[in-house]
């Protein structure tokens, strides 16, 4: 499990360096991404059927937006 996590972080770090101007290391990359939070809201409508599920992204520093978008780190919200 640890080897898989290490390989994923290394891959994301390399892509961040290639696609953006990111100059930090893997730990800094994870620290910056830790501030981007996504949550799933489940609304019970009272009607029959499945509840309504929505995704919501917490506001984050817009300086990180190019890197997050370049690495496709945000889920499709809609």
C-alpha atoms as a PDB file:
ATOM      1  CA  UNK A   1       0.000   0.000   0.000  1.00  0.00           C
ATOM      2  CA  UNK A   2       2.808   2.418   0.864  1.00  0.00           C
ATOM      3  CA  UNK A   3       4.592   1.710  -2.411  1.00  0.00           C
ATOM      4  CA  UNK A   4       1.414   2.465  -4.367  1.00  0.00           C
ATOM      5  CA  UNK A   5       0.926   5.753  -2.516  1.00  0.00           C
ATOM      6  CA  UNK A   6       4.563   6.690  -3.112  1.00  0.00           C
ATOM      7  CA  UNK A   7       4.273   5.961  -6.836  1.00  0.00           C
ATOM      8  CA  UNK A   8       1.069   8.010  -7.148  1.00  0.00           C
ATOM      9  CA  UNK A   9       2.570  10.997  -5.337  1.00  0.00           C
ATOM     10  CA  UNK A  10       5.701  10.781  -7.470  1.00  0.00           C
ATOM     11  CA  UNK A  11       3.638  10.659 -10.661  1.00  0.00           C
ATOM     12  CA  UNK A  12       1.532  13.660  -9.624  1.00  0.00           C
ATOM     13  CA  UNK A  13       4.656  15.581  -8.652  1.00  0.00           C
ATOM     14  CA  UNK A  14       6.265  14.923 -12.039  1.00  0.00           C
ATOM     15  CA  UNK A  15       3.112  15.972 -13.876  1.00  0.00           C
ATOM     16  CA  UNK A  16       2.840  19.123 -11.764  1.00  0.00           C
ATOM     17  CA  UNK A  17       6.400  20.051 -12.702  1.00  0.00           C
ATOM     18  CA  UNK A  18       5.822  19.321 -16.401  1.00  0.00           C
ATOM     19  CA  UNK A  19       2.414  20.959 -16.874  1.00  0.00           C
ATOM     20  CA  UNK A  20       2.746  23.926 -14.505  1.00  0.00           C
ATOM     21  CA  UNK A  21       5.442  26.062 -12.937  1.00  0.00           C
ATOM     22  CA  UNK A  22       5.398  24.096  -9.676  1.00  0.00           C
ATOM     23  CA  UNK A  23       8.868  24.138  -8.118  1.00  0.00           C
ATOM     24  CA  UNK A  24       8.275  22.417  -4.772  1.00  0.00           C
ATOM     25  CA  UNK A  25       8.677  18.830  -3.720  1.00  0.00           C
ATOM     26  CA  UNK A  26       6.109  16.068  -3.268  1.00  0.00           C
ATOM     27  CA  UNK A  27       5.421  17.018   0.363  1.00  0.00           C
ATOM     28  CA  UNK A  28       4.690  20.615  -0.574  1.00  0.00           C
ATOM     29  CA  UNK A  29       2.383  19.426  -3.354  1.00  0.00           C
ATOM     30  CA  UNK A  30       0.370  17.320  -0.906  1.00  0.00           C
ATOM     31  CA  UNK A  31       0.312  20.152   1.634  1.00  0.00           C
ATOM     32  CA  UNK A  32      -1.129  22.547  -0.937  1.00  0.00           C
ATOM     33  CA  UNK A  33      -3.727  20.044  -2.096  1.00  0.00           C
ATOM     34  CA  UNK A  34      -4.779  19.332   1.478  1.00  0.00           C
ATOM     35  CA  UNK A  35      -6.452  22.742   1.494  1.00  0.00           C
ATOM     36  CA  UNK A  36      -8.710  21.898  -1.477  1.00  0.00           C
ATOM     37  CA  UNK A  37     -11.727  20.126  -0.041  1.00  0.00           C
ATOM     38  CA  UNK A  38     -14.670  18.515  -1.754  1.00  0.00           C
ATOM     39  CA  UNK A  39     -17.781  17.279  -0.010  1.00  0.00           C
ATOM     40  CA  UNK A  40     -20.902  15.419  -1.062  1.00  0.00           C
ATOM     41  CA  UNK A  41     -24.223  16.822   0.132  1.00  0.00           C
ATOM     42  CA  UNK A  42     -27.181  14.461   0.347  1.00  0.00           C
ATOM     43  CA  UNK A  43     -30.606  16.123   0.395  1.00  0.00           C
ATOM     44  CA  UNK A  44     -33.564  14.053   1.507  1.00  0.00           C
ATOM     45  CA  UNK A  45     -36.390  15.520  -0.575  1.00  0.00           C
ATOM     46  CA  UNK A  46     -39.181  13.569   1.082  1.00  0.00           C
ATOM     47  CA  UNK A  47     -40.262  12.176  -2.280  1.00  0.00           C
ATOM     48  CA  UNK A  48     -39.989   8.555  -3.301  1.00  0.00           C
ATOM     49  CA  UNK A  49     -36.783   7.459  -4.905  1.00  0.00           C
ATOM     50  CA  UNK A  50     -33.184   8.320  -4.364  1.00  0.00           C
ATOM     51  CA  UNK A  51     -32.094  11.389  -2.421  1.00  0.00           C
ATOM     52  CA  UNK A  52     -30.560  14.303  -4.308  1.00  0.00           C
ATOM     53  CA  UNK A  53     -26.752  14.226  -4.202  1.00  0.00           C
ATOM     54  CA  UNK A  54     -24.657  17.321  -4.916  1.00  0.00           C
ATOM     55  CA  UNK A  55     -20.909  17.929  -4.937  1.00  0.00           C
ATOM     56  CA  UNK A  56     -19.509  21.128  -3.494  1.00  0.00           C
ATOM     57  CA  UNK A  57     -15.939  22.429  -3.635  1.00  0.00           C
ATOM     58  CA  UNK A  58     -14.748  24.554  -0.741  1.00  0.00           C
ATOM     59  CA  UNK A  59     -13.354  27.911  -1.788  1.00  0.00           C
ATOM     60  CA  UNK A  60      -9.577  27.852  -2.095  1.00  0.00           C
ATOM     61  CA  UNK A  61      -6.767  30.197  -3.024  1.00  0.00           C
ATOM     62  CA  UNK A  62      -7.063  31.060  -6.726  1.00  0.00           C
ATOM     63  CA  UNK A  63      -3.265  30.898  -7.090  1.00  0.00           C
ATOM     64  CA  UNK A  64      -3.590  27.100  -6.902  1.00  0.00           C
ATOM     65  CA  UNK A  65      -6.325  26.888  -9.525  1.00  0.00           C
ATOM     66  CA  UNK A  66      -4.066  26.482 -12.626  1.00  0.00           C
ATOM     67  CA  UNK A  67      -2.191  23.561 -11.073  1.00  0.00           C
ATOM     68  CA  UNK A  68      -5.351  21.880  -9.796  1.00  0.00           C
ATOM     69  CA  UNK A  69      -7.032  22.214 -13.198  1.00  0.00           C
ATOM     70  CA  UNK A  70      -3.931  21.075 -15.113  1.00  0.00           C
ATOM     71  CA  UNK A  71      -3.810  17.852 -13.104  1.00  0.00           C
ATOM     72  CA  UNK A  72      -7.600  17.335 -13.254  1.00  0.00           C
ATOM     73  CA  UNK A  73      -7.788  17.281  -9.458  1.00  0.00           C
ATOM     74  CA  UNK A  74     -11.286  18.749  -9.224  1.00  0.00           C
ATOM     75  CA  UNK A  75     -14.297  16.492  -9.712  1.00  0.00           C
ATOM     76  CA  UNK A  76     -16.942  17.388 -12.252  1.00  0.00           C
ATOM     77  CA  UNK A  77     -19.509  19.411 -10.319  1.00  0.00           C
ATOM     78  CA  UNK A  78     -22.909  19.913 -11.756  1.00  0.00           C
END
